[in-house]
């Protein structure tokens, strides 16, 4: 402890560690978008020099991979995600896992593109369930539930494909309604120089909409209702697109939770049919 000049002692700063760096990076992305997370801006938030981070993290790419691992591993802290299918059956296991993935995606909509787009460690690692630990747990659980190898592989691929497509749509909608400075094609700040140079004109890695213009983003932020959002991506002439205009309210309704549940049940029925066949 050190004297803070008031007779007390200033709190000692926690030692820098990979865990602190990863947590601060995820918080920064949640608040400002992916492009805000340069090594320099993360270091600033931690109150250290950017070079200090490289004692723990090799570069920004590795940092983003670690953020993805942290997000996916939030499943471990979710009490509604079953540990295995032994007590609940394979259907409830997959159902609980799917809703758990949706919860972490919605908790981090501005970071979810990293989960969806980071290059995997191996070509068989499919997002969004891309943690090796969770993939292994899912494969082992299905094997223990008497799935054949072909049925395990079918389930793994279709389950991940459904979640990825649906949750990219849902989180993209959330990002459009709540844009951050680091979303889209805009970089904020730069990196430390030698290790990870960042050109402000570069596309954002994993950006949901890398061509979104600033005026479009501002219009989205100011939209009063979801219906207003149909016009912020450009002119949509009614004469050319009458059905879009006629159905615009329905097209922009937030029915993600209802439709996610319905789609998930169809997927589980398809897996059950594969098992029966």
Protein backbone atom coordinates (compact mmCIF):
# COMPACT_ATOMS: atom_id res chain seq x y z
CA UNK A 1 0.00 0.00 0.00
CA UNK A 2 1.07 3.61 -0.55
CA UNK A 3 0.02 6.77 1.29
CA UNK A 4 -2.62 8.65 -0.71
CA UNK A 5 -1.96 11.93 1.11
CA UNK A 6 -5.08 11.76 3.26
CA UNK A 7 -3.73 9.55 6.01
CA UNK A 8 -5.02 6.43 4.32
CA UNK A 9 -3.55 4.13 1.75
CA UNK A 10 -4.32 3.92 -1.95
CA UNK A 11 -5.67 0.51 -2.99
CA UNK A 12 -3.07 -1.62 -4.68
CA UNK A 13 -3.82 -2.32 -8.32
CA UNK A 14 -4.40 -5.98 -9.16
CA UNK A 15 -1.46 -7.53 -11.01
CA UNK A 16 -1.80 -7.61 -14.77
CA UNK A 17 -2.83 -11.05 -15.99
CA UNK A 18 -4.34 -12.64 -19.10
CA UNK A 19 -7.67 -12.90 -17.25
CA UNK A 20 -7.77 -9.16 -16.51
CA UNK A 21 -6.77 -8.29 -20.07
CA UNK A 22 -9.43 -10.54 -21.59
CA UNK A 23 -12.16 -9.30 -19.24
CA UNK A 24 -11.34 -5.66 -19.96
CA UNK A 25 -11.26 -6.30 -23.71
CA UNK A 26 -14.70 -7.91 -23.65
CA UNK A 27 -16.10 -5.04 -21.57
CA UNK A 28 -14.63 -2.57 -24.05
CA UNK A 29 -16.18 -4.38 -27.03
CA UNK A 30 -19.56 -4.54 -25.27
CA UNK A 31 -19.42 -0.78 -24.67
CA UNK A 32 -17.86 0.48 -27.91
CA UNK A 33 -17.72 -2.28 -30.54
CA UNK A 34 -15.00 -4.52 -31.91
CA UNK A 35 -12.88 -1.83 -33.57
CA UNK A 36 -12.45 -0.01 -30.26
CA UNK A 37 -10.43 -2.92 -28.88
CA UNK A 38 -6.89 -2.15 -29.92
CA UNK A 39 -4.01 -3.15 -27.70
CA UNK A 40 -3.51 0.51 -26.86
CA UNK A 41 -7.10 1.21 -25.83
CA UNK A 42 -7.21 -1.95 -23.71
CA UNK A 43 -3.96 -0.90 -22.04
CA UNK A 44 -5.36 2.56 -21.37
CA UNK A 45 -8.35 1.07 -19.58
CA UNK A 46 -6.06 -1.08 -17.48
CA UNK A 47 -3.81 1.86 -16.67
CA UNK A 48 -0.68 0.29 -18.16
CA UNK A 49 1.52 0.77 -21.20
CA UNK A 50 0.51 -1.15 -24.32
CA UNK A 51 3.82 -3.01 -24.34
CA UNK A 52 2.91 -4.50 -20.95
CA UNK A 53 0.12 -6.49 -22.56
CA UNK A 54 2.58 -8.38 -24.76
CA UNK A 55 4.03 -10.13 -21.73
CA UNK A 56 0.70 -11.96 -21.49
CA UNK A 57 -0.91 -11.82 -24.98
CA UNK A 58 1.08 -12.21 -28.21
CA UNK A 59 -1.05 -9.91 -30.37
CA UNK A 60 -4.58 -8.65 -30.96
CA UNK A 61 -5.55 -11.72 -32.95
CA UNK A 62 -4.73 -13.96 -30.00
CA UNK A 63 -6.58 -11.53 -27.74
CA UNK A 64 -9.72 -11.82 -29.86
CA UNK A 65 -9.44 -15.62 -29.79
CA UNK A 66 -9.24 -15.47 -25.99
CA UNK A 67 -12.30 -13.19 -25.87
CA UNK A 68 -14.23 -15.75 -27.94
CA UNK A 69 -13.21 -18.50 -25.53
CA UNK A 70 -14.32 -16.36 -22.58
CA UNK A 71 -17.74 -15.68 -24.13
CA UNK A 72 -18.44 -19.31 -25.00
CA UNK A 73 -17.34 -20.46 -21.57
CA UNK A 74 -20.08 -18.36 -20.00
CA UNK A 75 -22.11 -21.49 -20.63
CA UNK A 76 -20.32 -22.99 -17.63
CA UNK A 77 -21.86 -20.33 -15.39
CA UNK A 78 -25.38 -20.71 -16.80
CA UNK A 79 -27.46 -22.78 -14.34
CA UNK A 80 -29.99 -23.66 -17.06
CA UNK A 81 -27.45 -25.40 -19.31
CA UNK A 82 -27.39 -29.14 -18.48
CA UNK A 83 -23.98 -30.65 -17.83
CA UNK A 84 -24.91 -33.80 -19.73
CA UNK A 85 -27.86 -35.74 -21.14
CA UNK A 86 -27.74 -38.42 -18.44
CA UNK A 87 -30.42 -36.85 -16.26
CA UNK A 88 -32.47 -34.87 -18.81
CA UNK A 89 -32.18 -36.81 -22.08
CA UNK A 90 -30.49 -35.70 -25.28
CA UNK A 91 -33.39 -33.48 -26.41
CA UNK A 92 -33.50 -31.41 -23.23
CA UNK A 93 -29.70 -31.31 -23.20
CA UNK A 94 -29.55 -29.77 -26.68
CA UNK A 95 -32.50 -27.48 -25.92
CA UNK A 96 -30.82 -26.16 -22.78
CA UNK A 97 -27.51 -25.74 -24.58
CA UNK A 98 -29.15 -23.83 -27.45
CA UNK A 99 -30.93 -21.40 -25.14
CA UNK A 100 -27.66 -20.93 -23.23
CA UNK A 101 -25.82 -20.01 -26.44
CA UNK A 102 -28.59 -17.54 -27.26
CA UNK A 103 -28.24 -15.96 -23.82
CA UNK A 104 -24.52 -15.36 -24.23
CA UNK A 105 -25.02 -14.05 -27.78
CA UNK A 106 -27.62 -11.56 -26.57
CA UNK A 107 -25.40 -10.58 -23.63
CA UNK A 108 -22.63 -9.65 -26.09
CA UNK A 109 -24.24 -8.68 -29.42
CA UNK A 110 -21.37 -6.38 -30.43
CA UNK A 111 -18.84 -9.14 -29.70
CA UNK A 112 -20.83 -12.03 -31.20
CA UNK A 113 -19.38 -11.49 -34.72
CA UNK A 114 -16.04 -12.53 -33.27
CA UNK A 115 -17.59 -15.82 -32.16
CA UNK A 116 -19.07 -16.26 -35.62
CA UNK A 117 -16.13 -15.21 -37.78
CA UNK A 118 -12.82 -15.82 -36.01
CA UNK A 119 -10.73 -18.35 -37.98
CA UNK A 120 -11.08 -21.67 -36.13
CA UNK A 121 -8.14 -23.66 -34.81
CA UNK A 122 -9.22 -26.54 -37.04
CA UNK A 123 -11.66 -26.80 -39.97
CA UNK A 124 -14.04 -28.99 -37.95
CA UNK A 125 -14.52 -26.36 -35.25
CA UNK A 126 -17.89 -24.80 -36.01
CA UNK A 127 -19.21 -21.62 -34.41
CA UNK A 128 -20.97 -20.68 -32.24
CA UNK A 129 -20.12 -23.70 -30.04
CA UNK A 130 -16.44 -23.28 -30.85
CA UNK A 131 -14.70 -23.88 -27.54
CA UNK A 132 -12.83 -27.19 -27.73
CA UNK A 133 -14.00 -27.96 -24.22
CA UNK A 134 -17.67 -27.48 -25.09
CA UNK A 135 -17.41 -29.27 -28.41
CA UNK A 136 -15.81 -32.26 -26.68
CA UNK A 137 -18.51 -32.20 -24.01
CA UNK A 138 -21.30 -32.15 -26.61
CA UNK A 139 -19.79 -34.97 -28.69
CA UNK A 140 -19.18 -37.11 -25.62
CA UNK A 141 -22.69 -36.46 -24.29
CA UNK A 142 -24.31 -37.53 -27.56
CA UNK A 143 -22.11 -40.64 -27.76
CA UNK A 144 -23.15 -41.55 -24.21
CA UNK A 145 -26.79 -41.12 -25.29
CA UNK A 146 -26.26 -43.96 -27.81
CA UNK A 147 -25.92 -41.78 -30.91
CA UNK A 148 -23.91 -43.48 -33.65
CA UNK A 149 -20.88 -41.60 -34.97
CA UNK A 150 -22.83 -40.52 -38.05
CA UNK A 151 -25.70 -39.30 -35.88
CA UNK A 152 -23.30 -37.39 -33.61
CA UNK A 153 -21.75 -35.65 -36.62
CA UNK A 154 -25.13 -34.86 -38.16
CA UNK A 155 -26.36 -33.37 -34.89
CA UNK A 156 -23.18 -31.36 -34.31
CA UNK A 157 -23.26 -29.79 -37.78
CA UNK A 158 -26.97 -29.04 -37.99
CA UNK A 159 -27.17 -27.76 -34.41
CA UNK A 160 -24.32 -25.30 -34.90
CA UNK A 161 -25.54 -24.20 -38.33
CA UNK A 162 -29.00 -23.39 -36.97
CA UNK A 163 -27.62 -21.44 -34.01
CA UNK A 164 -25.08 -19.52 -36.06
CA UNK A 165 -27.48 -18.38 -38.76
CA UNK A 166 -30.26 -17.45 -36.39
CA UNK A 167 -28.15 -15.69 -33.79
CA UNK A 168 -26.24 -13.67 -36.39
CA UNK A 169 -29.59 -12.33 -37.55
CA UNK A 170 -30.77 -11.57 -34.02
CA UNK A 171 -27.56 -9.94 -32.79
CA UNK A 172 -27.24 -7.95 -36.03
CA UNK A 173 -30.69 -6.56 -35.33
CA UNK A 174 -29.62 -5.64 -31.80
CA UNK A 175 -26.47 -3.93 -33.09
CA UNK A 176 -28.41 -1.95 -35.67
CA UNK A 177 -30.77 -0.72 -32.96
CA UNK A 178 -27.89 0.14 -30.61
CA UNK A 179 -24.87 1.11 -32.73
CA UNK A 180 -21.48 1.68 -31.12
CA UNK A 181 -18.53 3.74 -32.38
CA UNK A 182 -16.50 0.59 -33.03
CA UNK A 183 -19.16 -1.19 -35.11
CA UNK A 184 -19.15 -1.23 -38.89
CA UNK A 185 -16.10 -0.11 -40.83
CA UNK A 186 -14.82 2.49 -38.39
CA UNK A 187 -11.66 1.96 -36.37
CA UNK A 188 -11.14 3.92 -33.17
CA UNK A 189 -7.59 4.69 -32.16
CA UNK A 190 -4.71 2.57 -33.38
CA UNK A 191 -2.64 -0.30 -32.13
CA UNK A 192 0.77 -0.30 -30.53
CA UNK A 193 2.64 -0.03 -33.81
CA UNK A 194 5.11 -2.82 -34.39
CA UNK A 195 2.99 -5.78 -33.33
CA UNK A 196 -0.50 -5.08 -34.68
CA UNK A 197 -0.60 -1.95 -36.84
CA UNK A 198 -4.15 -0.80 -37.46
CA UNK A 199 -5.07 1.51 -40.27
CA UNK A 200 -8.24 3.47 -39.41
CA UNK A 201 -9.41 2.79 -42.96
CA UNK A 202 -9.19 -0.98 -42.53
CA UNK A 203 -12.41 -3.00 -42.18
CA UNK A 204 -13.24 -4.09 -38.68
CA UNK A 205 -12.41 -7.77 -38.10
CA UNK A 206 -15.69 -9.55 -37.62
CA UNK A 207 -17.72 -6.39 -38.20
CA UNK A 208 -21.42 -7.05 -38.65
CA UNK A 209 -21.82 -4.43 -41.34
CA UNK A 210 -18.43 -3.32 -42.64
CA UNK A 211 -19.93 -0.92 -45.16
CA UNK A 212 -22.32 0.91 -42.83
CA UNK A 213 -21.95 4.67 -43.26
CA UNK A 214 -21.93 7.05 -40.31
CA UNK A 215 -25.19 8.70 -41.38
CA UNK A 216 -26.89 5.29 -41.55
CA UNK A 217 -25.66 4.44 -38.09
CA UNK A 218 -26.88 7.77 -36.71
CA UNK A 219 -30.30 7.28 -38.31
CA UNK A 220 -30.56 3.81 -36.78
CA UNK A 221 -29.75 5.19 -33.36
CA UNK A 222 -32.43 7.88 -33.69
CA UNK A 223 -35.18 5.59 -35.03
CA UNK A 224 -38.24 5.69 -32.78
CA UNK A 225 -39.62 2.28 -33.69
CA UNK A 226 -38.45 -0.88 -35.37
CA UNK A 227 -40.60 0.06 -38.36
CA UNK A 228 -38.50 3.18 -38.90
CA UNK A 229 -35.41 1.03 -39.34
CA UNK A 230 -36.59 -0.30 -42.69
CA UNK A 231 -35.66 3.03 -44.31
CA UNK A 232 -32.29 3.71 -42.71
CA UNK A 233 -30.31 1.37 -44.97
CA UNK A 234 -31.11 3.39 -48.09
CA UNK A 235 -34.04 4.48 -50.22
CA UNK A 236 -36.67 1.79 -50.66
CA UNK A 237 -39.08 3.09 -53.33
CA UNK A 238 -42.59 1.77 -52.79
CA UNK A 239 -43.24 1.58 -56.52
CA UNK A 240 -40.45 -0.98 -56.94
CA UNK A 241 -40.89 -2.82 -53.64
CA UNK A 242 -44.60 -2.68 -52.81
CA UNK A 243 -44.63 -5.91 -50.79
CA UNK A 244 -41.77 -4.74 -48.58
CA UNK A 245 -43.70 -1.54 -47.85
CA UNK A 246 -46.97 -3.39 -47.34
CA UNK A 247 -45.41 -5.87 -44.89
CA UNK A 248 -42.79 -3.56 -43.37
CA UNK A 249 -44.27 -3.64 -39.88
CA UNK A 250 -44.28 -7.42 -39.81
CA UNK A 251 -40.79 -7.57 -41.33
CA UNK A 252 -39.39 -5.42 -38.54
CA UNK A 253 -41.27 -6.96 -35.61
CA UNK A 254 -39.10 -8.44 -32.90
CA UNK A 255 -40.24 -12.06 -32.80
CA UNK A 256 -36.78 -13.55 -32.37
CA UNK A 257 -37.45 -15.45 -29.17
CA UNK A 258 -40.67 -17.04 -30.44
CA UNK A 259 -39.13 -17.98 -33.78
CA UNK A 260 -35.93 -19.25 -32.20
CA UNK A 261 -37.96 -21.61 -30.01
CA UNK A 262 -40.05 -22.84 -32.94
CA UNK A 263 -37.01 -23.37 -35.16
CA UNK A 264 -35.18 -25.19 -32.39
CA UNK A 265 -38.05 -27.64 -31.91
CA UNK A 266 -38.11 -28.34 -35.67
CA UNK A 267 -34.39 -29.02 -35.53
CA UNK A 268 -34.79 -31.39 -32.56
CA UNK A 269 -37.60 -33.22 -34.41
CA UNK A 270 -35.27 -33.61 -37.40
CA UNK A 271 -32.56 -35.08 -35.17
CA UNK A 272 -35.11 -37.46 -33.62
CA UNK A 273 -36.13 -38.58 -37.12
CA UNK A 274 -32.48 -39.20 -37.97
CA UNK A 275 -32.15 -41.37 -34.87
CA UNK A 276 -35.33 -43.29 -35.70
CA UNK A 277 -34.20 -43.80 -39.29
